[in-house]
Amino acid sequence: MGLGGINQTAQAVFQQEFRVLTSDEQASVLQLVQEGKAPGEAWETVPAERFFEEMLAELTELYYAHPLAQEEIGYVGMADATGWTRLGLNELEPREPEAISSQPGL
């Protein structure tokens, strides 16, 4: 609902979807959400300020979960492990199990 609310705010303020706005316009929409002043019916159900806080925390966590981002800030706990070589989407390390649905007999 929160992501839909961001789009509702973009529509209300700029008459366009959030994804096509300029960087400055997108920042304005997010500022309204952060301040709890965003127009849109989604914000009647979901508190905009709380959604923004949770979204920011989730995005930060996801960004810094990647070994290269950890290395960027000087954390070498996993970034320098010899086993972490496959960093692409859906690339498994040899030690990682395959998905259950692809294992014969299960």
N, C-alpha and C. Protein backbone atom coordinates (compact mmCIF):
# COMPACT_ATOMS: atom_id res chain seq x y z
N MET A 1 0.82 -1.20 0.00
CA MET A 1 0.00 0.00 0.00
C MET A 1 0.86 1.26 0.00
N GLY A 2 2.00 1.19 0.70
CA GLY A 2 2.86 2.36 0.77
C GLY A 2 3.44 2.75 -0.57
N LEU A 3 3.87 1.75 -1.36
CA LEU A 3 4.41 2.06 -2.69
C LEU A 3 3.32 2.64 -3.58
N GLY A 4 2.11 2.10 -3.45
CA GLY A 4 0.98 2.68 -4.18
C GLY A 4 0.70 4.09 -3.73
N GLY A 5 0.87 4.34 -2.43
CA GLY A 5 0.68 5.68 -1.89
C GLY A 5 1.67 6.67 -2.46
N ILE A 6 2.91 6.23 -2.64
CA ILE A 6 3.92 7.11 -3.26
C ILE A 6 3.47 7.50 -4.66
N ASN A 7 2.94 6.53 -5.39
CA ASN A 7 2.46 6.83 -6.74
C ASN A 7 1.24 7.74 -6.70
N GLN A 8 0.35 7.54 -5.73
CA GLN A 8 -0.82 8.42 -5.58
C GLN A 8 -0.37 9.86 -5.30
N THR A 9 0.64 10.00 -4.46
CA THR A 9 1.15 11.34 -4.15
C THR A 9 1.74 11.98 -5.40
N ALA A 10 2.51 11.21 -6.16
CA ALA A 10 3.07 11.74 -7.41
C ALA A 10 1.97 12.19 -8.36
N GLN A 11 0.91 11.41 -8.46
CA GLN A 11 -0.21 11.76 -9.33
C GLN A 11 -0.89 13.04 -8.84
N ALA A 12 -1.07 13.14 -7.52
CA ALA A 12 -1.76 14.30 -6.95
C ALA A 12 -0.94 15.58 -7.11
N VAL A 13 0.36 15.48 -6.95
CA VAL A 13 1.22 16.67 -6.98
C VAL A 13 1.69 17.01 -8.38
N PHE A 14 2.07 16.00 -9.18
CA PHE A 14 2.67 16.25 -10.49
C PHE A 14 1.87 15.69 -11.67
N GLN A 15 0.73 15.05 -11.39
CA GLN A 15 -0.11 14.45 -12.42
C GLN A 15 0.64 13.44 -13.29
N GLN A 16 1.61 12.76 -12.70
CA GLN A 16 2.38 11.73 -13.40
C GLN A 16 2.73 10.62 -12.41
N GLU A 17 3.05 9.43 -12.96
CA GLU A 17 3.51 8.35 -12.11
C GLU A 17 4.88 8.68 -11.55
N PHE A 18 5.16 8.17 -10.37
CA PHE A 18 6.42 8.43 -9.69
C PHE A 18 7.62 8.06 -10.56
N ARG A 19 7.55 6.94 -11.26
CA ARG A 19 8.69 6.44 -12.02
C ARG A 19 9.12 7.34 -13.17
N VAL A 20 8.24 8.21 -13.64
CA VAL A 20 8.59 9.08 -14.76
C VAL A 20 8.96 10.50 -14.32
N LEU A 21 8.90 10.76 -13.03
CA LEU A 21 9.24 12.09 -12.52
C LEU A 21 10.75 12.31 -12.59
N THR A 22 11.15 13.56 -12.60
CA THR A 22 12.58 13.89 -12.51
C THR A 22 13.07 13.54 -11.11
N SER A 23 14.37 13.50 -10.94
CA SER A 23 14.95 13.21 -9.63
C SER A 23 14.48 14.22 -8.58
N ASP A 24 14.43 15.49 -8.95
CA ASP A 24 13.98 16.52 -8.01
C ASP A 24 12.51 16.34 -7.64
N GLU A 25 11.69 15.99 -8.62
CA GLU A 25 10.27 15.76 -8.35
C GLU A 25 10.08 14.53 -7.45
N GLN A 26 10.84 13.47 -7.73
CA GLN A 26 10.77 12.28 -6.89
C GLN A 26 11.17 12.61 -5.45
N ALA A 27 12.23 13.40 -5.31
CA ALA A 27 12.67 13.81 -3.97
C ALA A 27 11.58 14.60 -3.26
N SER A 28 10.86 15.45 -4.00
CA SER A 28 9.76 16.23 -3.40
C SER A 28 8.65 15.31 -2.90
N VAL A 29 8.32 14.29 -3.68
CA VAL A 29 7.28 13.33 -3.28
C VAL A 29 7.72 12.59 -2.02
N LEU A 30 8.96 12.12 -2.02
CA LEU A 30 9.46 11.38 -0.85
C LEU A 30 9.55 12.28 0.38
N GLN A 31 9.85 13.54 0.18
CA GLN A 31 9.89 14.50 1.29
C GLN A 31 8.50 14.64 1.91
N LEU A 32 7.49 14.72 1.07
CA LEU A 32 6.11 14.81 1.57
C LEU A 32 5.74 13.56 2.38
N VAL A 33 6.15 12.39 1.87
CA VAL A 33 5.87 11.15 2.59
C VAL A 33 6.60 11.15 3.92
N GLN A 34 7.87 11.51 3.90
CA GLN A 34 8.67 11.54 5.13
C GLN A 34 8.05 12.46 6.18
N GLU A 35 7.53 13.60 5.76
CA GLU A 35 6.96 14.57 6.68
C GLU A 35 5.52 14.25 7.07
N GLY A 36 4.94 13.22 6.45
CA GLY A 36 3.55 12.88 6.75
C GLY A 36 2.56 13.84 6.14
N LYS A 37 2.94 14.54 5.09
CA LYS A 37 2.08 15.54 4.44
C LYS A 37 1.67 15.12 3.03
N ALA A 38 1.85 13.85 2.71
CA ALA A 38 1.61 13.38 1.34
C ALA A 38 0.12 13.19 1.09
N PRO A 39 -0.38 13.74 -0.03
CA PRO A 39 -1.77 13.48 -0.39
C PRO A 39 -1.91 12.08 -0.98
N GLY A 40 -3.08 11.51 -0.85
CA GLY A 40 -3.35 10.19 -1.40
C GLY A 40 -4.14 9.36 -0.41
N GLU A 41 -5.09 8.58 -0.92
CA GLU A 41 -5.97 7.82 -0.02
C GLU A 41 -5.24 6.69 0.70
N ALA A 42 -4.13 6.21 0.16
CA ALA A 42 -3.38 5.15 0.85
C ALA A 42 -2.90 5.61 2.22
N TRP A 43 -2.62 6.90 2.34
CA TRP A 43 -2.10 7.43 3.60
C TRP A 43 -3.17 7.55 4.67
N GLU A 44 -4.43 7.29 4.29
CA GLU A 44 -5.50 7.24 5.29
C GLU A 44 -5.43 5.92 6.07
N THR A 45 -4.83 4.91 5.46
CA THR A 45 -4.71 3.59 6.07
C THR A 45 -3.31 3.35 6.62
N VAL A 46 -2.32 3.75 5.85
CA VAL A 46 -0.91 3.55 6.22
C VAL A 46 -0.32 4.90 6.63
N PRO A 47 0.19 5.03 7.85
CA PRO A 47 0.81 6.29 8.24
C PRO A 47 2.06 6.56 7.38
N ALA A 48 2.06 7.66 6.65
CA ALA A 48 3.14 7.96 5.71
C ALA A 48 4.51 8.03 6.38
N GLU A 49 4.58 8.70 7.53
CA GLU A 49 5.88 8.84 8.21
C GLU A 49 6.42 7.48 8.63
N ARG A 50 5.55 6.64 9.13
CA ARG A 50 5.98 5.29 9.57
C ARG A 50 6.43 4.47 8.37
N PHE A 51 5.66 4.54 7.26
CA PHE A 51 6.04 3.82 6.06
C PHE A 51 7.42 4.26 5.59
N PHE A 52 7.66 5.57 5.56
CA PHE A 52 8.95 6.08 5.10
C PHE A 52 10.08 5.55 5.97
N GLU A 53 9.88 5.58 7.27
CA GLU A 53 10.90 5.09 8.20
C GLU A 53 11.21 3.61 7.96
N GLU A 54 10.17 2.81 7.80
CA GLU A 54 10.35 1.38 7.56
C GLU A 54 11.01 1.13 6.21
N MET A 55 10.58 1.87 5.18
CA MET A 55 11.15 1.71 3.85
C MET A 55 12.64 2.05 3.85
N LEU A 56 13.00 3.13 4.51
CA LEU A 56 14.40 3.53 4.59
C LEU A 56 15.24 2.47 5.30
N ALA A 57 14.72 1.92 6.38
CA ALA A 57 15.44 0.88 7.12
C ALA A 57 15.62 -0.37 6.25
N GLU A 58 14.56 -0.78 5.56
CA GLU A 58 14.64 -1.96 4.70
C GLU A 58 15.63 -1.76 3.54
N LEU A 59 15.57 -0.60 2.91
CA LEU A 59 16.49 -0.34 1.79
C LEU A 59 17.94 -0.31 2.24
N THR A 60 18.18 0.27 3.40
CA THR A 60 19.54 0.30 3.94
C THR A 60 20.03 -1.10 4.24
N GLU A 61 19.18 -1.89 4.85
CA GLU A 61 19.54 -3.28 5.18
C GLU A 61 19.83 -4.07 3.92
N LEU A 62 18.99 -3.94 2.91
CA LEU A 62 19.19 -4.67 1.67
C LEU A 62 20.47 -4.25 0.96
N TYR A 63 20.74 -2.95 0.93
CA TYR A 63 21.95 -2.46 0.27
C TYR A 63 23.20 -3.02 0.94
N TYR A 64 23.24 -2.93 2.26
CA TYR A 64 24.45 -3.36 2.98
C TYR A 64 24.50 -4.86 3.23
N ALA A 65 23.54 -5.62 2.74
CA ALA A 65 23.61 -7.07 2.81
C ALA A 65 24.55 -7.62 1.74
N HIS A 66 24.82 -6.84 0.72
CA HIS A 66 25.68 -7.28 -0.37
C HIS A 66 27.15 -7.18 0.06
N PRO A 67 27.93 -8.24 -0.19
CA PRO A 67 29.34 -8.22 0.23
C PRO A 67 30.15 -7.03 -0.31
N LEU A 68 29.87 -6.58 -1.51
CA LEU A 68 30.63 -5.44 -2.05
C LEU A 68 30.31 -4.16 -1.30
N ALA A 69 29.05 -3.99 -0.88
CA ALA A 69 28.68 -2.81 -0.09
C ALA A 69 29.31 -2.89 1.30
N GLN A 70 29.40 -4.09 1.86
CA GLN A 70 30.06 -4.26 3.15
C GLN A 70 31.54 -3.91 3.05
N GLU A 71 32.15 -4.34 1.96
CA GLU A 71 33.56 -4.03 1.75
C GLU A 71 33.75 -2.52 1.60
N GLU A 72 32.80 -1.87 0.95
CA GLU A 72 32.86 -0.43 0.74
C GLU A 72 32.95 0.36 2.05
N ILE A 73 32.31 -0.14 3.10
CA ILE A 73 32.33 0.56 4.39
C ILE A 73 33.39 -0.01 5.33
N GLY A 74 34.21 -0.93 4.82
CA GLY A 74 35.30 -1.45 5.62
C GLY A 74 34.96 -2.68 6.43
N TYR A 75 33.78 -3.22 6.28
CA TYR A 75 33.42 -4.46 6.98
C TYR A 75 33.89 -5.63 6.13
N VAL A 76 34.77 -6.44 6.67
CA VAL A 76 35.31 -7.54 5.88
C VAL A 76 34.87 -8.90 6.41
N GLY A 77 33.83 -8.91 7.22
CA GLY A 77 33.34 -10.16 7.79
C GLY A 77 33.05 -11.22 6.75
N MET A 78 32.34 -10.87 5.69
CA MET A 78 32.04 -11.85 4.65
C MET A 78 32.61 -11.44 3.30
N ALA A 79 32.91 -10.19 3.12
CA ALA A 79 33.32 -9.71 1.81
C ALA A 79 34.62 -10.33 1.34
N ASP A 80 35.49 -10.72 2.27
CA ASP A 80 36.76 -11.31 1.84
C ASP A 80 36.78 -12.82 1.97
N ALA A 81 35.65 -13.43 2.28
CA ALA A 81 35.60 -14.89 2.38
C ALA A 81 35.81 -15.50 1.01
N THR A 82 36.61 -16.55 0.96
CA THR A 82 36.95 -17.14 -0.34
C THR A 82 35.73 -17.73 -1.04
N GLY A 83 34.71 -18.10 -0.30
CA GLY A 83 33.54 -18.72 -0.92
C GLY A 83 32.57 -17.77 -1.55
N TRP A 84 32.70 -16.48 -1.32
CA TRP A 84 31.74 -15.50 -1.85
C TRP A 84 32.23 -14.96 -3.19
N THR A 85 32.08 -15.75 -4.22
CA THR A 85 32.53 -15.31 -5.54
C THR A 85 31.36 -15.09 -6.51
N ARG A 86 30.26 -15.73 -6.26
CA ARG A 86 29.10 -15.61 -7.15
C ARG A 86 28.13 -14.60 -6.54
N LEU A 87 28.17 -13.39 -7.04
CA LEU A 87 27.39 -12.30 -6.46
C LEU A 87 26.19 -11.90 -7.32
N GLY A 88 26.04 -12.54 -8.47
CA GLY A 88 24.94 -12.18 -9.36
C GLY A 88 23.61 -12.76 -8.90
N LEU A 89 22.55 -12.26 -9.50
CA LEU A 89 21.21 -12.70 -9.19
C LEU A 89 21.05 -14.18 -9.54
N ASN A 90 20.55 -14.96 -8.59
CA ASN A 90 20.29 -16.39 -8.76
C ASN A 90 21.53 -17.24 -8.99
N GLU A 91 22.70 -16.74 -8.66
CA GLU A 91 23.92 -17.53 -8.74
C GLU A 91 24.19 -18.16 -7.38
N LEU A 92 24.27 -19.48 -7.34
CA LEU A 92 24.51 -20.18 -6.08
C LEU A 92 25.98 -20.54 -5.95
N GLU A 93 26.48 -20.49 -4.74
CA GLU A 93 27.80 -21.01 -4.44
C GLU A 93 27.70 -22.53 -4.43
N PRO A 94 28.81 -23.23 -4.70
CA PRO A 94 28.76 -24.71 -4.71
C PRO A 94 28.24 -25.30 -3.40
N ARG A 95 28.46 -24.62 -2.28
CA ARG A 95 28.03 -25.15 -0.98
C ARG A 95 26.55 -24.92 -0.70
N GLU A 96 25.88 -24.08 -1.51
CA GLU A 96 24.48 -23.77 -1.26
C GLU A 96 23.58 -24.85 -1.88
N PRO A 97 22.51 -25.23 -1.18
CA PRO A 97 21.61 -26.27 -1.72
C PRO A 97 20.79 -25.73 -2.87
N GLU A 98 20.42 -26.64 -3.75
CA GLU A 98 19.52 -26.27 -4.84
C GLU A 98 18.11 -26.12 -4.27
N ALA A 99 17.26 -25.47 -5.02
CA ALA A 99 15.88 -25.33 -4.59
C ALA A 99 15.23 -26.70 -4.47
N ILE A 100 14.37 -26.87 -3.51
CA ILE A 100 13.74 -28.18 -3.27
C ILE A 100 13.01 -28.66 -4.49
N SER A 101 12.32 -27.78 -5.20
CA SER A 101 11.52 -28.19 -6.36
C SER A 101 12.36 -28.76 -7.49
N SER A 102 13.68 -28.46 -7.53
CA SER A 102 14.52 -28.96 -8.61
C SER A 102 15.25 -30.24 -8.23
N GLN A 103 15.06 -30.74 -7.01
CA GLN A 103 15.72 -31.97 -6.59
C GLN A 103 14.83 -33.17 -6.93
N PRO A 104 15.38 -34.16 -7.63
CA PRO A 104 14.58 -35.33 -8.01
C PRO A 104 14.07 -36.07 -6.77
N GLY A 105 12.86 -36.56 -6.89
CA GLY A 105 12.27 -37.37 -5.83
C GLY A 105 11.63 -36.60 -4.70
N LEU A 106 11.61 -35.28 -4.79
CA LEU A 106 10.98 -34.48 -3.73
C LEU A 106 9.77 -33.77 -4.27
